[in-house]
Amino acid sequence: MTDLLQQEITTKLSRYQKDYQEYTKCLIRGIQIPINGRPEELVRQIFIHFLIKESRLFPDIINIAVEANNHDIEIYKKQNNDDFKPHQYPLIIVEVKREGVNLKNHYNQIQRYLKNACCYLGILYNYHEIIAFNRKNDHFEIHPFKSLKDIQALILKINNNDYDDDLLEFKKAQNGNFDSFAYLISRYGNYTTNTVVFKVKQQQAEIEGYFFNMQGNKVYYDVCGKDSKKQSSFESQDFEKLISITY
């Protein structure tokens, strides 16, 4: 371990002794991490410390997942409306390596992760090097970054207007706009990934559905938890309002 990394660990990570072992606490998982013999984990903790303590992105702009879907770190756009939290793919997947590892040996790994997770931005990080991957369909643009602050700038520049635009459509559908509802179910209601809760006229109870499809002015859907091969349906003019779309 270089003196520079040791200095960062000493000054940035909260450390404590327990049972003759030195630990730090993961700022995301809240679990204790033994410091000795975990060089890759220490690099990850330095990266997490930057995101939470230095970047000013968390928790207002991003959410962070650690050891999710076999990825070291996943960064997500913060969803601020509890009623509109559909499934989302990560903004960035971060793969960390212990200090001194040749990152070129892991290009295929991060590229595979990005393709499988439908994610377009990836980071390889070994404390001394930061390599950014931008997926363009079937090929990748690869750029070295000078510092972790470049990642902060990248996140702020990412075009996430799709979610913001859809949130506006969601609010319209909540107020009874059927065209907005039709758009949202075409985007978020085709599978069981998301649950769509809505109301129709002349029916007091809310409906939870998925597997939506439209045929003319008629909306077909499966009722959540209902074991039936026949889809339920309603006419567009009977739509009252959208309640929520959640993962």
Protein backbone atom coordinates (compact mmCIF):
# COMPACT_ATOMS: atom_id res chain seq x y z
CA MET A 1 0.00 0.00 0.00
CA THR A 2 1.43 3.37 -1.02
CA ASP A 3 1.89 6.14 1.51
CA LEU A 4 -0.69 8.25 -0.36
CA LEU A 5 -3.45 5.64 -0.06
CA GLN A 6 -2.50 4.96 3.55
CA GLN A 7 -2.76 8.68 4.28
CA GLU A 8 -6.23 8.88 2.70
CA ILE A 9 -7.39 5.85 4.66
CA THR A 10 -6.05 7.41 7.86
CA THR A 11 -7.58 10.86 7.32
CA LYS A 12 -10.88 10.00 5.60
CA LEU A 13 -12.13 6.68 6.91
CA SER A 14 -13.52 6.32 10.41
CA ARG A 15 -11.55 3.49 12.00
CA TYR A 16 -11.92 1.57 15.25
CA GLN A 17 -10.47 -1.46 17.03
CA LYS A 18 -12.46 -4.57 17.88
CA ASP A 19 -11.17 -7.98 18.95
CA TYR A 20 -7.60 -7.02 18.02
CA GLN A 21 -8.70 -6.10 14.49
CA GLU A 22 -9.06 -2.68 12.88
CA TYR A 23 -12.36 -1.90 11.16
CA THR A 24 -14.08 0.85 9.23
CA LYS A 25 -17.83 1.21 8.70
CA CYS A 26 -19.27 1.23 5.17
CA LEU A 27 -21.19 4.47 4.70
CA ILE A 28 -23.79 2.75 2.51
CA ARG A 29 -24.22 -0.75 3.91
CA GLY A 30 -23.63 0.23 7.54
CA ILE A 31 -21.56 -2.90 8.13
CA GLN A 32 -18.10 -3.14 9.63
CA ILE A 33 -15.26 -3.80 7.21
CA PRO A 34 -11.94 -5.26 8.42
CA ILE A 35 -9.16 -3.06 7.11
CA ASN A 36 -6.30 -5.53 7.15
CA GLY A 37 -6.19 -7.89 4.18
CA ARG A 38 -9.00 -6.17 2.19
CA PRO A 39 -7.14 -3.92 -0.29
CA GLU A 40 -9.97 -3.85 -2.85
CA GLU A 41 -12.55 -3.02 -0.19
CA LEU A 42 -10.41 -0.13 1.03
CA VAL A 43 -10.31 1.32 -2.50
CA ARG A 44 -14.10 0.98 -2.63
CA GLN A 45 -14.48 2.78 0.70
CA ILE A 46 -12.36 5.68 -0.57
CA PHE A 47 -14.63 5.92 -3.63
CA ILE A 48 -17.79 5.79 -1.48
CA HIS A 49 -16.35 8.41 0.87
CA PHE A 50 -15.89 10.74 -2.09
CA LEU A 51 -19.47 10.24 -3.32
CA ILE A 52 -21.03 10.81 0.09
CA LYS A 53 -18.73 13.26 1.84
CA GLU A 54 -17.14 15.28 -0.97
CA SER A 55 -19.19 15.21 -4.18
CA ARG A 56 -22.34 16.91 -2.81
CA LEU A 57 -24.39 14.59 -5.02
CA PHE A 58 -25.71 12.31 -2.29
CA PRO A 59 -28.51 12.09 -1.22
CA ASP A 60 -30.29 14.84 -3.20
CA ILE A 61 -29.16 13.91 -6.74
CA ILE A 62 -28.09 10.26 -6.60
CA ASN A 63 -28.71 7.02 -4.78
CA ILE A 64 -25.93 4.47 -4.28
CA ALA A 65 -26.09 0.68 -4.15
CA VAL A 66 -23.16 -1.48 -3.05
CA GLU A 67 -22.71 -5.14 -3.99
CA ALA A 68 -25.94 -5.05 -6.00
CA ASN A 69 -26.43 -7.31 -9.04
CA ASN A 70 -22.82 -8.50 -8.65
CA HIS A 71 -21.55 -4.94 -9.20
CA ASP A 72 -19.19 -3.23 -6.75
CA ILE A 73 -21.08 0.09 -6.86
CA GLU A 74 -24.17 1.24 -8.75
CA ILE A 75 -25.12 4.90 -8.99
CA TYR A 76 -28.76 5.80 -9.64
CA LYS A 77 -30.68 8.98 -10.27
CA LYS A 78 -32.61 10.03 -7.17
CA GLN A 79 -36.36 9.54 -7.56
CA ASN A 80 -38.07 12.16 -5.41
CA ASN A 81 -41.74 11.25 -5.90
CA ASP A 82 -42.73 8.22 -3.80
CA ASP A 83 -45.69 7.53 -6.10
CA PHE A 84 -43.54 7.50 -9.25
CA LYS A 85 -40.65 5.15 -8.68
CA PRO A 86 -40.56 2.79 -11.65
CA HIS A 87 -37.70 0.38 -12.22
CA GLN A 88 -34.62 2.18 -13.47
CA TYR A 89 -31.27 1.07 -14.81
CA PRO A 90 -28.14 2.41 -13.10
CA LEU A 91 -26.64 5.65 -14.36
CA ILE A 92 -23.13 4.36 -13.72
CA ILE A 93 -21.63 1.00 -12.76
CA VAL A 94 -18.33 1.24 -10.87
CA GLU A 95 -15.90 -1.66 -10.67
CA VAL A 96 -13.10 -1.16 -8.16
CA LYS A 97 -9.78 -3.01 -8.04
CA ARG A 98 -7.04 -3.10 -5.47
CA GLU A 99 -4.23 -0.59 -5.78
CA GLY A 100 -1.76 -1.40 -8.52
CA VAL A 101 -4.00 -3.70 -10.60
CA ASN A 102 -3.69 -3.24 -14.37
CA LEU A 103 -7.14 -1.95 -15.30
CA LYS A 104 -6.74 -2.94 -18.96
CA ASN A 105 -7.10 -6.55 -17.87
CA HIS A 106 -10.65 -5.75 -16.74
CA TYR A 107 -11.98 -3.82 -19.73
CA ASN A 108 -14.00 -6.82 -20.88
CA GLN A 109 -15.50 -7.21 -17.42
CA ILE A 110 -16.90 -3.68 -17.14
CA GLN A 111 -18.07 -3.75 -20.77
CA ARG A 112 -19.96 -6.98 -20.12
CA TYR A 113 -21.54 -5.49 -16.99
CA LEU A 114 -22.73 -2.43 -18.91
CA LYS A 115 -24.30 -4.48 -21.69
CA ASN A 116 -26.04 -6.90 -19.34
CA ALA A 117 -27.38 -4.12 -17.10
CA CYS A 118 -28.56 -1.85 -19.96
CA CYS A 119 -26.26 0.82 -18.52
CA TYR A 120 -24.34 3.31 -20.66
CA LEU A 121 -21.62 4.57 -18.31
CA GLY A 122 -19.00 2.61 -16.41
CA ILE A 123 -15.97 3.34 -14.26
CA LEU A 124 -12.90 1.23 -13.52
CA TYR A 125 -11.01 2.47 -10.45
CA ASN A 126 -7.87 1.25 -8.66
CA TYR A 127 -7.17 4.41 -6.62
CA HIS A 128 -4.41 5.68 -8.95
CA GLU A 129 -6.31 5.31 -12.23
CA ILE A 130 -9.87 6.12 -13.27
CA ILE A 131 -11.06 4.81 -16.64
CA ALA A 132 -14.49 5.85 -17.93
CA PHE A 133 -16.51 3.79 -20.42
CA ASN A 134 -19.29 5.27 -22.52
CA ARG A 135 -21.37 2.60 -24.27
CA LYS A 136 -22.50 3.52 -27.78
CA ASN A 137 -24.69 0.64 -28.92
CA ASP A 138 -22.18 -2.16 -29.55
CA HIS A 139 -18.94 -0.22 -29.07
CA PHE A 140 -17.34 1.74 -26.24
CA GLU A 141 -15.64 5.10 -25.94
CA ILE A 142 -12.87 4.87 -23.33
CA HIS A 143 -11.47 7.92 -21.54
CA PRO A 144 -9.04 8.29 -18.63
CA PHE A 145 -10.14 10.65 -15.86
CA LYS A 146 -7.71 12.75 -13.85
CA SER A 147 -9.58 12.71 -10.54
CA LEU A 148 -12.78 11.62 -8.86
CA LYS A 149 -14.11 15.14 -9.38
CA ASP A 150 -14.37 14.29 -13.08
CA ILE A 151 -16.98 11.69 -12.09
CA GLN A 152 -18.89 14.35 -10.18
CA ALA A 153 -18.93 16.54 -13.28
CA LEU A 154 -19.99 13.57 -15.42
CA ILE A 155 -23.00 12.82 -13.23
CA LEU A 156 -24.11 16.43 -13.30
CA LYS A 157 -23.88 16.46 -17.11
CA ILE A 158 -25.75 13.21 -17.71
CA ASN A 159 -28.95 13.85 -19.60
CA ASN A 160 -31.69 12.52 -17.34
CA ASN A 161 -34.50 14.56 -18.81
CA ASP A 162 -36.42 11.38 -19.70
CA TYR A 163 -37.32 10.72 -16.07
CA ASP A 164 -38.11 14.38 -15.42
CA ASP A 165 -40.32 14.55 -18.53
CA ASP A 166 -42.09 11.35 -17.51
CA LEU A 167 -42.67 12.77 -14.04
CA LEU A 168 -44.55 15.66 -15.66
CA GLU A 169 -46.66 13.14 -17.61
CA PHE A 170 -47.27 11.23 -14.38
CA LYS A 171 -48.63 14.34 -12.69
CA LYS A 172 -50.96 14.94 -15.66
CA ALA A 173 -52.20 11.35 -15.44
CA GLN A 174 -52.80 11.79 -11.73
CA ASN A 175 -55.11 14.66 -12.68
CA GLY A 176 -57.04 12.45 -15.09
CA ASN A 177 -55.24 12.97 -18.42
CA PHE A 178 -55.74 9.72 -20.32
CA ASP A 179 -53.16 10.49 -23.04
CA SER A 180 -50.49 10.80 -20.35
CA PHE A 181 -51.67 7.55 -18.76
CA ALA A 182 -51.51 5.79 -22.16
CA TYR A 183 -47.96 7.03 -22.69
CA LEU A 184 -46.82 5.89 -19.25
CA ILE A 185 -48.30 2.39 -19.45
CA SER A 186 -46.70 1.96 -22.87
CA ARG A 187 -43.35 2.74 -21.27
CA TYR A 188 -43.65 1.24 -17.79
CA GLY A 189 -46.60 -1.14 -17.83
CA ASN A 190 -45.71 -3.81 -20.37
CA TYR A 191 -44.23 -6.28 -17.86
CA THR A 192 -44.49 -7.30 -14.22
CA THR A 193 -41.49 -5.11 -13.39
CA ASN A 194 -43.70 -2.22 -12.27
CA THR A 195 -47.07 -2.10 -10.55
CA VAL A 196 -49.49 0.49 -11.93
CA VAL A 197 -52.23 1.63 -9.55
CA PHE A 198 -55.17 3.54 -11.05
CA LYS A 199 -58.91 4.20 -10.80
CA VAL A 200 -61.73 3.96 -13.29
CA LYS A 201 -65.12 5.62 -13.07
CA GLN A 202 -68.05 3.80 -11.44
CA GLN A 203 -65.60 1.68 -9.45
CA GLN A 204 -64.68 2.73 -5.93
CA ALA A 205 -61.65 0.48 -5.37
CA GLU A 206 -58.21 1.21 -6.78
CA ILE A 207 -56.84 -1.30 -9.32
CA GLU A 208 -53.31 -2.72 -9.35
CA GLY A 209 -52.24 -3.94 -12.76
CA TYR A 210 -49.45 -4.84 -15.19
CA PHE A 211 -49.09 -6.33 -18.68
CA PHE A 212 -50.92 -3.36 -20.20
CA ASN A 213 -51.74 -3.08 -23.87
CA MET A 214 -54.07 -0.83 -25.84
CA GLN A 215 -56.31 -1.79 -28.71
CA GLY A 216 -58.12 1.22 -30.10
CA ASN A 217 -59.84 2.99 -27.21
CA LYS A 218 -59.69 -0.06 -24.95
CA VAL A 219 -57.03 -0.75 -22.33
CA TYR A 220 -56.28 -4.36 -21.42
CA TYR A 221 -54.30 -5.39 -18.33
CA ASP A 222 -53.71 -8.17 -15.82
CA VAL A 223 -54.80 -7.59 -12.24
CA CYS A 224 -51.93 -8.07 -9.80
CA GLY A 225 -52.30 -11.26 -7.81
CA LYS A 226 -55.27 -12.49 -9.87
CA ASP A 227 -54.76 -15.92 -11.37
CA SER A 228 -56.71 -15.64 -14.60
CA LYS A 229 -55.84 -16.17 -18.26
CA LYS A 230 -58.37 -13.52 -19.30
CA GLN A 231 -57.26 -9.90 -19.17
CA SER A 232 -59.40 -7.21 -17.61
CA SER A 233 -60.15 -4.07 -19.59
CA PHE A 234 -61.78 -0.63 -19.58
CA GLU A 235 -62.67 2.02 -22.13
CA SER A 236 -60.46 5.12 -22.34
CA GLN A 237 -63.39 7.41 -21.46
CA ASP A 238 -63.82 5.48 -18.18
CA PHE A 239 -60.32 6.32 -16.95
CA GLU A 240 -60.44 8.45 -13.79
CA LYS A 241 -56.86 8.91 -12.59
CA LEU A 242 -53.45 7.33 -12.10
CA ILE A 243 -52.39 6.70 -8.50
CA SER A 244 -48.83 5.38 -8.70
CA ILE A 245 -46.24 3.50 -10.72
CA THR A 246 -43.73 1.71 -8.52
CA TYR A 247 -41.11 -1.00 -8.83
